């Protein structure tokens, strides 16, 4: 048999977690089978453990200071760079999204294009959201009173279960665009687009730890992350009613911000700004005005 006619050995992809800018397997050594919409085996994905979730929180906290302290303009540049790299790997994501969600190639391509556009959209908001939700406040007296938004901190995101890529991007991008860091629990049924997104983030300019992606069971990891004292907020987008209630109760222990599940009929619709403002704190600063000259005029 000639070399040209020989059958190549299949090279199967090993999907890994994305934590702290690295690609570990689950510390538990567990995996689970991921199938397409017809039940055909696609890959084994890591089945994350409680320890993996704790490691992701540590990485997110370590990255928070530098990311929150970066200029909004710089964060926008980095998010735009991610969109550029997604565009370069478009065909891979079209295939993975099509398999994950049972879509034709043309419909999967439309979903991927919308997800890339969504990254660009949030990249443009990084240096504008402050003008929308902050500003100078009118006060009686010789004072300046200024309100400015600041990121909440480490945010756990339970990604949408059905929209494996566009929904995923729609919940991650607003968290990091506003200076927060994220611990993401990917769709249990369709985690592969999320794990591949980690490969894009790792080769972009995004600092390690800003986004950490776990695959596995939200019902297993969610309660530990919701109760974690170093997690500041949680987005329950992909949690069902029973799990959402459990996580909301656990989150109350250290007064986490909670974004409750909201029905989304179409993830490609205009997302508005509510997912950005959900994870922002408002800092208000008072400063006395000064007097200029003997006339007593002030500035």
Foldseek 3Di string as FASTA:
>chain_A
DDPVPDDDDDDADDFAWAAQLDGDAAPVPDWDFAFFPVRHTRYTYHAHALVNLVRLLVLQQVCQVVLQPDALLVLLVLLLQLLVVLVVVLVVQLVLQCRHQVHDSVVSSVLSVLLSVLSNVLSVCLNPVQVVPWAWDDDPDQKTKTKGKGFQEEEEEEFAQNRQGLSRSLQLSLNSSRRYAYEYEGHQNRNVSVSVSSVSCSPTPNRGSSYTYDYHDCLRNLLSQLQDLSHAAYECQHPDPVSQVSSVVSNPPNDHQYHGHDDDPDSSPDPPNVSNVSGIDMDMDMDGWDADDPVRDTD
